[in-house]
Amino acid sequence: MSDLPRTSLQSNFSGLFYVRFSSSLYFAIYKLEIKFQFNSKLLGYSICKEFITLIYLMV
């Protein structure tokens, strides 16, 4: 019976650690995805600008 509180505390600690780890991992992935979306938007904008400039020069 003396084992019970310690194991429950240990499982709570590991659960808390898992939650913190997964949330930090999710946050890192979320930030990376936002950065990537921003970069791809910027890239798409520059490509569009180049394309429009090319069309403008052809005409």
N, C-alpha and C. Protein backbone atom coordinates (compact mmCIF):
# COMPACT_ATOMS: atom_id res chain seq x y z
N MET A 1 0.82 -1.21 0.00
CA MET A 1 0.00 0.00 0.00
C MET A 1 0.86 1.26 0.00
N SER A 2 2.07 1.17 0.53
CA SER A 2 2.93 2.35 0.57
C SER A 2 3.43 2.68 -0.84
N ASP A 3 3.34 1.73 -1.75
CA ASP A 3 3.77 1.95 -3.13
C ASP A 3 2.80 2.83 -3.92
N LEU A 4 1.55 2.78 -3.53
CA LEU A 4 0.49 3.39 -4.33
C LEU A 4 0.65 4.90 -4.55
N PRO A 5 0.88 5.71 -3.51
CA PRO A 5 0.95 7.16 -3.76
C PRO A 5 2.13 7.54 -4.65
N ARG A 6 3.24 6.83 -4.46
CA ARG A 6 4.43 7.18 -5.23
C ARG A 6 4.22 6.89 -6.71
N THR A 7 3.61 5.76 -7.02
CA THR A 7 3.39 5.42 -8.43
C THR A 7 2.39 6.36 -9.07
N SER A 8 1.38 6.76 -8.32
CA SER A 8 0.40 7.69 -8.88
C SER A 8 1.05 9.04 -9.12
N LEU A 9 1.93 9.44 -8.19
CA LEU A 9 2.65 10.70 -8.37
C LEU A 9 3.56 10.61 -9.60
N GLN A 10 4.20 9.47 -9.75
CA GLN A 10 5.09 9.27 -10.89
C GLN A 10 4.30 9.32 -12.20
N SER A 11 3.14 8.68 -12.22
CA SER A 11 2.34 8.67 -13.44
C SER A 11 1.81 10.08 -13.73
N ASN A 12 1.45 10.82 -12.69
CA ASN A 12 1.02 12.20 -12.89
C ASN A 12 2.15 13.04 -13.45
N PHE A 13 3.35 12.83 -12.94
CA PHE A 13 4.50 13.58 -13.41
C PHE A 13 4.80 13.26 -14.87
N SER A 14 4.75 11.96 -15.20
CA SER A 14 5.04 11.58 -16.59
C SER A 14 3.94 12.11 -17.52
N GLY A 15 2.69 12.11 -17.03
CA GLY A 15 1.60 12.65 -17.83
C GLY A 15 1.77 14.14 -18.07
N LEU A 16 2.17 14.85 -17.01
CA LEU A 16 2.41 16.29 -17.13
C LEU A 16 3.56 16.55 -18.08
N PHE A 17 4.62 15.76 -17.96
CA PHE A 17 5.77 15.91 -18.84
C PHE A 17 5.36 15.67 -20.29
N TYR A 18 4.53 14.63 -20.51
CA TYR A 18 4.08 14.31 -21.86
C TYR A 18 3.25 15.45 -22.43
N VAL A 19 2.37 16.00 -21.61
CA VAL A 19 1.52 17.10 -22.07
C VAL A 19 2.37 18.32 -22.42
N ARG A 20 3.32 18.63 -21.55
CA ARG A 20 4.18 19.79 -21.81
C ARG A 20 5.03 19.57 -23.06
N PHE A 21 5.56 18.36 -23.20
CA PHE A 21 6.42 18.06 -24.34
C PHE A 21 5.62 18.12 -25.63
N SER A 22 4.43 17.50 -25.63
CA SER A 22 3.63 17.47 -26.86
C SER A 22 3.14 18.88 -27.22
N SER A 23 2.81 19.67 -26.20
CA SER A 23 2.33 21.03 -26.50
C SER A 23 3.47 21.89 -27.04
N SER A 24 4.68 21.72 -26.50
CA SER A 24 5.81 22.50 -27.00
C SER A 24 6.17 22.05 -28.42
N LEU A 25 6.07 20.75 -28.66
CA LEU A 25 6.34 20.23 -29.99
C LEU A 25 5.31 20.75 -30.98
N TYR A 26 4.04 20.74 -30.56
CA TYR A 26 2.97 21.24 -31.42
C TYR A 26 3.17 22.72 -31.70
N PHE A 27 3.57 23.47 -30.69
CA PHE A 27 3.79 24.90 -30.85
C PHE A 27 4.94 25.17 -31.83
N ALA A 28 6.01 24.36 -31.70
CA ALA A 28 7.15 24.52 -32.60
C ALA A 28 6.74 24.22 -34.05
N ILE A 29 5.97 23.17 -34.23
CA ILE A 29 5.50 22.81 -35.58
C ILE A 29 4.59 23.90 -36.12
N TYR A 30 3.73 24.43 -35.23
CA TYR A 30 2.80 25.49 -35.64
C TYR A 30 3.56 26.73 -36.08
N LYS A 31 4.58 27.11 -35.29
CA LYS A 31 5.39 28.29 -35.65
C LYS A 31 6.13 28.06 -36.95
N LEU A 32 6.67 26.86 -37.12
CA LEU A 32 7.40 26.53 -38.34
C LEU A 32 6.46 26.59 -39.54
N GLU A 33 5.23 26.10 -39.36
CA GLU A 33 4.26 26.09 -40.46
C GLU A 33 3.88 27.52 -40.83
N ILE A 34 3.69 28.37 -39.83
CA ILE A 34 3.36 29.77 -40.10
C ILE A 34 4.50 30.44 -40.86
N LYS A 35 5.73 30.16 -40.42
CA LYS A 35 6.90 30.74 -41.09
C LYS A 35 6.97 30.26 -42.53
N PHE A 36 6.72 28.97 -42.72
CA PHE A 36 6.78 28.40 -44.07
C PHE A 36 5.68 29.00 -44.95
N GLN A 37 4.47 29.13 -44.40
CA GLN A 37 3.37 29.73 -45.17
C GLN A 37 3.71 31.17 -45.54
N PHE A 38 4.29 31.90 -44.59
CA PHE A 38 4.66 33.28 -44.85
C PHE A 38 5.71 33.35 -45.96
N ASN A 39 6.72 32.47 -45.87
CA ASN A 39 7.78 32.45 -46.89
C ASN A 39 7.22 32.06 -48.25
N SER A 40 6.31 31.08 -48.28
CA SER A 40 5.76 30.66 -49.57
C SER A 40 4.88 31.76 -50.15
N LYS A 41 4.18 32.50 -49.28
CA LYS A 41 3.37 33.63 -49.75
C LYS A 41 4.28 34.69 -50.36
N LEU A 42 5.39 34.96 -49.68
CA LEU A 42 6.36 35.93 -50.16
C LEU A 42 6.94 35.46 -51.49
N LEU A 43 7.25 34.17 -51.56
CA LEU A 43 7.82 33.60 -52.78
C LEU A 43 6.81 33.69 -53.92
N GLY A 44 5.55 33.36 -53.62
CA GLY A 44 4.51 33.46 -54.64
C GLY A 44 4.33 34.89 -55.12
N TYR A 45 4.42 35.84 -54.18
CA TYR A 45 4.29 37.25 -54.54
C TYR A 45 5.43 37.69 -55.45
N SER A 46 6.65 37.26 -55.12
CA SER A 46 7.80 37.66 -55.94
C SER A 46 7.72 37.01 -57.33
N ILE A 47 7.25 35.76 -57.37
CA ILE A 47 7.10 35.09 -58.67
C ILE A 47 6.05 35.80 -59.51
N CYS A 48 4.93 36.19 -58.87
CA CYS A 48 3.88 36.93 -59.59
C CYS A 48 4.42 38.25 -60.10
N LYS A 49 5.22 38.91 -59.27
CA LYS A 49 5.79 40.20 -59.67
C LYS A 49 6.72 40.02 -60.87
N GLU A 50 7.53 38.98 -60.83
CA GLU A 50 8.43 38.72 -61.95
C GLU A 50 7.63 38.41 -63.22
N PHE A 51 6.57 37.63 -63.05
CA PHE A 51 5.73 37.24 -64.18
C PHE A 51 5.05 38.46 -64.79
N ILE A 52 4.52 39.31 -63.93
CA ILE A 52 3.85 40.53 -64.40
C ILE A 52 4.86 41.45 -65.09
N THR A 53 6.05 41.54 -64.52
CA THR A 53 7.09 42.37 -65.13
C THR A 53 7.48 41.81 -66.50
N LEU A 54 7.56 40.48 -66.58
CA LEU A 54 7.90 39.83 -67.85
C LEU A 54 6.84 40.11 -68.91
N ILE A 55 5.57 39.98 -68.51
CA ILE A 55 4.47 40.25 -69.44
C ILE A 55 4.50 41.72 -69.87
N TYR A 56 4.77 42.59 -68.91
CA TYR A 56 4.81 44.03 -69.19
C TYR A 56 5.94 44.35 -70.17
N LEU A 57 7.07 43.68 -70.00
CA LEU A 57 8.21 43.91 -70.90
C LEU A 57 7.94 43.33 -72.28
N MET A 58 7.21 42.22 -72.35
CA MET A 58 6.89 41.62 -73.65
C MET A 58 5.94 42.50 -74.43
N VAL A 59 5.01 43.14 -73.74
CA VAL A 59 4.04 44.02 -74.40
C VAL A 59 4.72 45.37 -74.62
